[in-house]
Amino acid sequence: MPELRTDPRNTWDDGDRAVPPDSWGRDTAPGLSLPWGFALVVVLLVVGRSVLTPHLTSPALQTWATIFVAICVQALPFLVFGVALSAAITAFVPASFWTRALPGHPVAAVPVAGMAGAVLPGCECASVPVASGLMARGVTPAAALAFLLASPAVNPVVLVATAVAFPGQPMMVASRFGASLAVAVLAGWLWLRFGRSEWLRIPARPHGDGPGWARFGEAMRHDLLHAGGFLIFGGLAAATLNVMVPREWLTSVAGVPAVAVLTMALLAVLLSICSEADAFVAASMTAFSPTAKLAFLVVGPMVDLKLIALQTGTFGRAFAVRFVPLTFVLAVLVSSLVGGLVL
């Protein structure tokens, strides 16, 4: 127990160090007491409120905040789902499983991995950590990338949402499925042929010697903290561009077929809508042709701002600057071809 001692300095001695009484109640910053610090905070709040309130209540800022929150709220459950699935793969699935589940030849493994995306509900945010986990478990990167692109676009949840958004238009659903799967497979094959190992950073997975659930929790915390920051960054960029792009620009280009397709493709990148909801947005763009709407549906789940941020943070900048343009060009070309022939 500390005891009070009387000495010339009149200190309180706790056995470890002496603290002068006149420092009790003071902040750690020299020369700044708690009352003065509190008063400074109050002044800053009052001044900030009077200066910032007119701007905080502006319609543009309210729209920006709404879009940003909507993107994060839409994507976060699927990101958590993808992180949990990736962590489960890391902790519980032996590496030998993938050598048995996928064809041994990488060329054949790419379309099989793409078709595997058709049975896994999830959006693009979920596909990135899952693809990362597959690579870490020994799956050839080209096959994992085919899964990454196909899963958000061809899974049953997305296809059902597309059918609801486009009632009586089964060819739109079939076109979305076929074009998205074709883009995923082609991108995987092209990466297999021309990609280099130094362009792709395969993240190290947390490993442990403990039980499976301990490894699961460690891997999930690692991926969630890593991917969550890039999701927020992508959401901030998407919300800013949503507010800055005038709607009048869209209606003025809808009548030119080639420009309309490219405009809808770029709009899909900028809006960064979750793949479970993008069909309803595309259906509302009544001024655009079915082919342009298809381009919106194919590009969005494969290339958008939050996905670019997640890919950059997960696989590295050298990967993103090559794979993102490749995917975008393939998505535009394939959707234009399929839309021109079928829709």
Protein backbone atom coordinates (compact mmCIF):
# COMPACT_ATOMS: atom_id res chain seq x y z
CA MET A 1 0.00 0.00 0.00
CA PRO A 2 1.34 3.46 -0.84
CA GLU A 3 1.85 5.77 2.09
CA LEU A 4 1.79 9.54 2.43
CA ARG A 5 5.16 11.00 3.34
CA THR A 6 6.09 14.53 4.22
CA ASP A 7 9.21 15.93 2.64
CA PRO A 8 10.35 19.33 1.42
CA ARG A 9 8.75 18.71 -1.97
CA ASN A 10 5.40 17.68 -0.43
CA THR A 11 4.98 14.76 -2.82
CA TRP A 12 2.78 11.70 -2.99
CA ASP A 13 5.16 8.75 -3.12
CA ASP A 14 3.67 5.56 -4.52
CA GLY A 15 6.90 3.68 -4.16
CA ASP A 16 7.82 4.08 -7.82
CA ARG A 17 7.90 7.76 -8.59
CA ALA A 18 7.05 11.12 -7.02
CA VAL A 19 4.21 13.18 -8.45
CA PRO A 20 3.83 16.83 -7.37
CA PRO A 21 0.38 17.66 -6.06
CA ASP A 22 -0.02 20.60 -8.46
CA SER A 23 0.03 18.15 -11.39
CA TRP A 24 -3.00 16.23 -10.15
CA GLY A 25 -5.90 16.60 -12.62
CA ARG A 26 -3.65 17.92 -15.33
CA ASP A 27 -3.49 16.53 -18.87
CA THR A 28 -0.35 14.80 -20.07
CA ALA A 29 0.38 17.69 -22.43
CA PRO A 30 2.61 20.22 -20.64
CA GLY A 31 0.94 23.49 -19.72
CA LEU A 32 -2.60 22.33 -20.66
CA SER A 33 -5.06 21.53 -17.87
CA LEU A 34 -8.23 19.53 -18.30
CA PRO A 35 -10.56 22.55 -17.90
CA TRP A 36 -8.69 24.48 -20.60
CA GLY A 37 -8.64 21.44 -22.87
CA PHE A 38 -12.38 20.94 -22.42
CA ALA A 39 -13.01 24.62 -23.14
CA LEU A 40 -10.96 24.36 -26.35
CA VAL A 41 -13.00 21.36 -27.50
CA VAL A 42 -16.25 23.23 -26.84
CA VAL A 43 -15.04 26.24 -28.81
CA LEU A 44 -14.00 24.06 -31.74
CA LEU A 45 -17.38 22.32 -31.74
CA VAL A 46 -19.28 25.60 -31.72
CA VAL A 47 -17.16 27.15 -34.45
CA GLY A 48 -17.19 23.97 -36.52
CA ARG A 49 -20.96 23.67 -36.26
CA SER A 50 -21.53 27.24 -37.44
CA VAL A 51 -19.06 26.88 -40.31
CA LEU A 52 -19.81 23.33 -41.48
CA THR A 53 -23.57 23.03 -40.94
CA PRO A 54 -24.56 24.76 -44.22
CA HIS A 55 -22.32 22.34 -46.12
CA LEU A 56 -23.32 19.22 -44.18
CA THR A 57 -26.99 19.79 -45.02
CA SER A 58 -26.41 20.31 -48.74
CA PRO A 59 -28.24 17.83 -51.02
CA ALA A 60 -25.02 16.77 -52.76
CA LEU A 61 -23.33 15.81 -49.50
CA GLN A 62 -26.42 14.00 -48.25
CA THR A 63 -26.56 12.06 -51.54
CA TRP A 64 -22.86 11.25 -51.22
CA ALA A 65 -23.30 9.97 -47.68
CA THR A 66 -26.32 7.89 -48.67
CA ILE A 67 -24.48 6.24 -51.56
CA PHE A 68 -21.37 5.56 -49.48
CA VAL A 69 -23.34 3.97 -46.65
CA ALA A 70 -25.43 1.95 -49.11
CA ILE A 71 -22.34 0.55 -50.84
CA CYS A 72 -20.72 -0.46 -47.56
CA VAL A 73 -23.94 -1.90 -46.10
CA GLN A 74 -24.61 -3.87 -49.28
CA ALA A 75 -21.10 -5.23 -49.57
CA LEU A 76 -20.14 -5.86 -45.93
CA PRO A 77 -22.28 -9.00 -45.32
CA PHE A 78 -20.92 -10.63 -48.46
CA LEU A 79 -17.39 -9.56 -47.64
CA VAL A 80 -17.74 -11.20 -44.23
CA PHE A 81 -19.19 -14.28 -45.90
CA GLY A 82 -16.28 -14.45 -48.34
CA VAL A 83 -13.73 -13.92 -45.58
CA ALA A 84 -15.34 -16.65 -43.47
CA LEU A 85 -15.35 -19.05 -46.42
CA SER A 86 -11.73 -18.23 -47.21
CA ALA A 87 -10.76 -18.76 -43.57
CA ALA A 88 -12.61 -22.09 -43.54
CA ILE A 89 -10.69 -23.16 -46.65
CA THR A 90 -7.43 -22.20 -44.95
CA ALA A 91 -8.21 -23.93 -41.65
CA PHE A 92 -10.17 -27.03 -42.57
CA VAL A 93 -9.62 -27.96 -46.22
CA PRO A 94 -6.37 -29.81 -46.91
CA ALA A 95 -4.34 -28.65 -49.86
CA SER A 96 -4.60 -32.09 -51.44
CA PHE A 97 -8.36 -31.62 -51.86
CA TRP A 98 -7.90 -29.06 -54.65
CA THR A 99 -5.60 -31.32 -56.60
CA ARG A 100 -8.38 -33.91 -56.58
CA ALA A 101 -11.30 -31.53 -57.19
CA LEU A 102 -9.82 -29.66 -60.16
CA PRO A 103 -8.36 -31.14 -63.33
CA GLY A 104 -4.63 -31.53 -63.23
CA HIS A 105 -4.06 -29.55 -66.42
CA PRO A 106 -4.41 -25.78 -65.83
CA VAL A 107 -6.18 -25.23 -69.17
CA ALA A 108 -8.98 -27.57 -68.09
CA ALA A 109 -8.98 -26.29 -64.50
CA VAL A 110 -9.94 -22.75 -65.59
CA PRO A 111 -13.46 -23.51 -66.97
CA VAL A 112 -14.16 -25.94 -64.11
CA ALA A 113 -13.29 -23.24 -61.57
CA GLY A 114 -15.47 -20.77 -63.48
CA MET A 115 -18.44 -23.15 -63.37
CA ALA A 116 -17.84 -23.63 -59.63
CA GLY A 117 -18.76 -19.98 -59.20
CA ALA A 118 -22.29 -20.81 -60.37
CA VAL A 119 -23.05 -22.66 -57.14
CA LEU A 120 -21.64 -20.15 -54.65
CA PRO A 121 -23.91 -17.19 -53.78
CA GLY A 122 -21.90 -14.05 -53.12
CA CYS A 123 -20.90 -10.73 -54.56
CA GLU A 124 -17.57 -9.49 -55.87
CA CYS A 125 -16.40 -8.52 -52.38
CA ALA A 126 -16.70 -12.14 -51.27
CA SER A 127 -14.89 -13.53 -54.31
CA VAL A 128 -11.59 -11.74 -53.70
CA PRO A 129 -10.68 -13.32 -50.33
CA VAL A 130 -11.96 -16.70 -51.54
CA ALA A 131 -9.76 -16.54 -54.65
CA SER A 132 -6.83 -15.49 -52.48
CA GLY A 133 -7.43 -18.45 -50.21
CA LEU A 134 -7.59 -20.81 -53.18
CA MET A 135 -4.26 -19.56 -54.49
CA ALA A 136 -2.69 -19.95 -51.06
CA ARG A 137 -3.90 -23.56 -50.99
CA GLY A 138 -2.17 -24.42 -54.25
CA VAL A 139 -4.87 -23.75 -56.88
CA THR A 140 -3.36 -22.41 -60.09
CA PRO A 141 -3.85 -18.61 -60.17
CA ALA A 142 -5.60 -18.68 -63.56
CA ALA A 143 -8.29 -21.02 -62.20
CA ALA A 144 -8.71 -18.95 -59.03
CA LEU A 145 -9.08 -15.80 -61.13
CA ALA A 146 -11.72 -17.46 -63.30
CA PHE A 147 -13.64 -18.25 -60.11
CA LEU A 148 -13.14 -14.67 -58.89
CA LEU A 149 -14.79 -13.25 -62.03
CA ALA A 150 -17.53 -15.84 -62.48
CA SER A 151 -18.81 -16.22 -58.93
CA PRO A 152 -20.40 -12.76 -58.52
CA ALA A 153 -22.08 -12.85 -61.94
CA VAL A 154 -23.37 -16.38 -62.51
CA ASN A 155 -24.45 -17.60 -59.08
CA PRO A 156 -28.14 -18.49 -58.57
CA VAL A 157 -28.97 -15.48 -56.39
CA VAL A 158 -27.81 -13.03 -59.07
CA LEU A 159 -29.60 -14.88 -61.86
CA VAL A 160 -32.88 -14.95 -59.93
CA ALA A 161 -32.56 -11.22 -59.22
CA THR A 162 -31.95 -10.62 -62.93
CA ALA A 163 -35.07 -12.61 -63.85
CA VAL A 164 -37.14 -10.55 -61.42
CA ALA A 165 -35.74 -7.27 -62.74
CA PHE A 166 -36.35 -8.30 -66.37
CA PRO A 167 -39.69 -10.17 -66.25
CA GLY A 168 -40.56 -11.99 -69.43
CA GLN A 169 -37.02 -11.64 -70.79
CA PRO A 170 -35.35 -15.03 -70.24
CA MET A 171 -32.76 -14.26 -72.90
CA MET A 172 -31.39 -11.44 -70.77
CA VAL A 173 -30.77 -13.92 -67.94
CA ALA A 174 -29.22 -16.47 -70.29
CA SER A 175 -27.10 -13.79 -71.95
CA ARG A 176 -25.78 -12.58 -68.62
CA PHE A 177 -24.86 -16.10 -67.57
CA GLY A 178 -23.19 -17.02 -70.86
CA ALA A 179 -21.32 -13.76 -71.39
CA SER A 180 -20.06 -13.59 -67.80
CA LEU A 181 -18.84 -17.18 -67.81
CA ALA A 182 -17.14 -16.64 -71.17
CA VAL A 183 -15.32 -13.56 -69.90
CA ALA A 184 -14.16 -15.40 -66.75
CA VAL A 185 -12.80 -18.35 -68.72
CA LEU A 186 -11.13 -16.19 -71.38
CA ALA A 187 -9.51 -13.99 -68.74
CA GLY A 188 -8.24 -17.07 -66.91
CA TRP A 189 -6.79 -18.58 -70.09
CA LEU A 190 -5.13 -15.30 -71.09
CA TRP A 191 -3.57 -14.96 -67.65
CA LEU A 192 -2.41 -18.55 -67.88
CA ARG A 193 -0.75 -17.83 -71.22
CA PHE A 194 0.68 -14.35 -70.67
CA GLY A 195 0.66 -13.74 -66.90
CA ARG A 196 3.87 -13.79 -64.90
CA SER A 197 4.37 -14.87 -61.35
CA GLU A 198 6.09 -11.60 -60.40
CA TRP A 199 2.94 -9.67 -61.35
CA LEU A 200 0.79 -11.49 -58.81
CA ARG A 201 1.32 -11.26 -55.07
CA ILE A 202 -0.28 -14.23 -53.38
CA PRO A 203 -0.93 -13.12 -49.79
CA ALA A 204 0.58 -15.25 -47.07
CA ARG A 205 -2.13 -16.95 -45.09
CA PRO A 206 -1.91 -16.97 -41.30
CA HIS A 207 -0.85 -20.43 -40.18
CA GLY A 208 -0.86 -21.88 -36.72
CA ASP A 209 -0.19 -25.11 -34.98
CA GLY A 210 -3.33 -24.96 -32.87
CA PRO A 211 -6.77 -26.48 -33.50
CA GLY A 212 -8.71 -25.74 -36.68
CA TRP A 213 -11.03 -23.19 -35.09
CA ALA A 214 -8.08 -21.20 -33.78
CA ARG A 215 -6.58 -21.07 -37.28
CA PHE A 216 -10.00 -20.16 -38.65
CA GLY A 217 -10.34 -17.17 -36.30
CA GLU A 218 -6.81 -15.98 -36.99
CA ALA A 219 -7.25 -16.15 -40.77
CA MET A 220 -10.65 -14.45 -40.62
CA ARG A 221 -9.37 -11.53 -38.53
CA HIS A 222 -6.40 -11.13 -40.84
CA ASP A 223 -8.49 -11.02 -44.04
CA LEU A 224 -11.33 -8.93 -42.65
CA LEU A 225 -9.07 -6.17 -41.37
CA HIS A 226 -7.08 -6.19 -44.60
CA ALA A 227 -10.00 -6.21 -47.04
CA GLY A 228 -12.30 -3.94 -45.03
CA GLY A 229 -10.09 -0.89 -45.46
CA PHE A 230 -9.99 -1.28 -49.23
CA LEU A 231 -13.76 -1.72 -49.33
CA ILE A 232 -14.18 1.62 -47.55
CA PHE A 233 -11.71 3.28 -49.93
CA GLY A 234 -13.58 1.95 -52.95
CA GLY A 235 -16.90 3.03 -51.49
CA LEU A 236 -15.61 6.57 -50.94
CA ALA A 237 -14.42 6.80 -54.57
CA ALA A 238 -17.66 5.38 -55.94
CA ALA A 239 -19.84 7.74 -53.90
CA THR A 240 -17.79 10.75 -54.99
CA LEU A 241 -18.07 9.88 -58.68
CA ASN A 242 -21.78 9.13 -58.33
CA VAL A 243 -22.34 12.70 -57.19
CA MET A 244 -19.99 14.31 -59.70
CA VAL A 245 -21.26 12.65 -62.92
CA PRO A 246 -24.29 14.62 -64.26
CA ARG A 247 -27.29 12.50 -65.24
CA GLU A 248 -27.83 14.59 -68.37
CA TRP A 249 -24.66 13.13 -69.84
CA LEU A 250 -26.18 9.65 -69.80
CA THR A 251 -29.36 10.43 -71.70
CA SER A 252 -27.44 12.33 -74.37
CA VAL A 253 -25.38 9.26 -75.38
CA ALA A 254 -28.06 6.56 -75.11
CA GLY A 255 -28.99 6.84 -78.78
CA VAL A 256 -25.53 5.98 -80.15
CA PRO A 257 -25.15 2.16 -79.86
CA ALA A 258 -21.38 1.87 -79.47
CA VAL A 259 -21.15 4.88 -77.17
CA ALA A 260 -24.13 3.64 -75.15
CA VAL A 261 -22.44 0.28 -74.51
CA LEU A 262 -19.21 1.94 -73.41
CA THR A 263 -21.11 4.45 -71.26
CA MET A 264 -23.03 1.74 -69.44
CA ALA A 265 -19.81 -0.24 -68.93
CA LEU A 266 -18.07 2.77 -67.42
CA LEU A 267 -21.15 3.53 -65.35
CA ALA A 268 -21.02 0.02 -63.91
CA VAL A 269 -17.44 0.67 -62.81
CA LEU A 270 -18.29 3.99 -61.21
CA LEU A 271 -21.54 3.06 -59.49
CA SER A 272 -20.02 -0.06 -57.86
CA ILE A 273 -23.40 -1.66 -57.20
CA CYS A 274 -23.48 -5.09 -55.59
CA SER A 275 -24.18 -7.81 -58.13
CA GLU A 276 -27.36 -8.88 -56.31
CA ALA A 277 -28.88 -5.43 -56.96
CA ASP A 278 -27.38 -4.21 -60.25
CA ALA A 279 -30.07 -5.79 -62.44
CA PHE A 280 -32.72 -3.48 -61.00
CA VAL A 281 -30.56 -0.44 -61.77
CA ALA A 282 -29.94 -1.67 -65.32
CA ALA A 283 -33.66 -2.26 -65.88
CA SER A 284 -34.40 1.31 -64.81
CA MET A 285 -32.14 2.69 -67.58
CA THR A 286 -34.97 2.65 -70.10
CA ALA A 287 -33.21 4.93 -72.58
CA PHE A 288 -30.47 2.36 -73.22
CA SER A 289 -30.58 -0.69 -75.48
CA PRO A 290 -30.64 -4.29 -74.15
CA THR A 291 -27.04 -4.75 -75.31
CA ALA A 292 -25.93 -1.70 -73.32
CA LYS A 293 -27.79 -3.03 -70.26
CA LEU A 294 -26.07 -6.40 -70.72
CA ALA A 295 -22.69 -4.66 -70.74
CA PHE A 296 -23.63 -3.02 -67.44
CA LEU A 297 -24.53 -6.42 -65.95
CA VAL A 298 -21.38 -8.16 -67.19
CA VAL A 299 -18.84 -5.44 -66.35
CA GLY A 300 -20.16 -4.48 -62.91
CA PRO A 301 -19.49 -7.71 -60.99
CA MET A 302 -16.01 -7.98 -62.54
CA VAL A 303 -14.69 -4.42 -62.59
CA ASP A 304 -15.85 -1.70 -60.20
CA LEU A 305 -14.11 0.72 -57.89
CA LYS A 306 -14.44 -1.27 -54.69
CA LEU A 307 -13.35 -4.44 -56.49
CA ILE A 308 -10.33 -2.66 -57.99
CA ALA A 309 -9.37 -1.46 -54.52
CA LEU A 310 -9.78 -4.95 -53.07
CA GLN A 311 -7.75 -6.57 -55.86
CA THR A 312 -5.00 -4.00 -55.53
CA GLY A 313 -4.77 -4.47 -51.79
CA THR A 314 -4.90 -8.26 -52.00
CA PHE A 315 -2.88 -9.15 -55.08
CA GLY A 316 -0.76 -6.02 -55.56
CA ARG A 317 -0.70 -3.03 -57.87
CA ALA A 318 1.29 -4.84 -60.59
CA PHE A 319 -1.56 -7.35 -60.86
CA ALA A 320 -4.38 -4.81 -60.85
CA VAL A 321 -2.95 -2.53 -63.55
CA ARG A 322 -2.85 -5.52 -65.92
CA PHE A 323 -5.80 -7.68 -64.95
CA VAL A 324 -8.40 -4.91 -64.54
CA PRO A 325 -8.01 -3.47 -68.08
CA LEU A 326 -7.93 -6.99 -69.53
CA THR A 327 -11.17 -7.89 -67.77
CA PHE A 328 -12.87 -4.64 -68.75
CA VAL A 329 -12.03 -4.99 -72.44
CA LEU A 330 -13.09 -8.63 -72.53
CA ALA A 331 -16.37 -7.84 -70.75
CA VAL A 332 -17.25 -5.04 -73.17
CA LEU A 333 -16.38 -7.07 -76.28
CA VAL A 334 -18.11 -10.27 -75.19
CA SER A 335 -21.27 -8.51 -73.97
CA SER A 336 -21.45 -6.51 -77.22
CA LEU A 337 -21.10 -9.70 -79.26
CA VAL A 338 -23.62 -11.69 -77.23
CA GLY A 339 -26.06 -8.80 -77.07
CA GLY A 340 -25.83 -8.18 -80.82
CA LEU A 341 -26.49 -11.86 -81.60
CA VAL A 342 -29.10 -12.74 -78.97
CA LEU A 343 -30.89 -9.65 -77.67
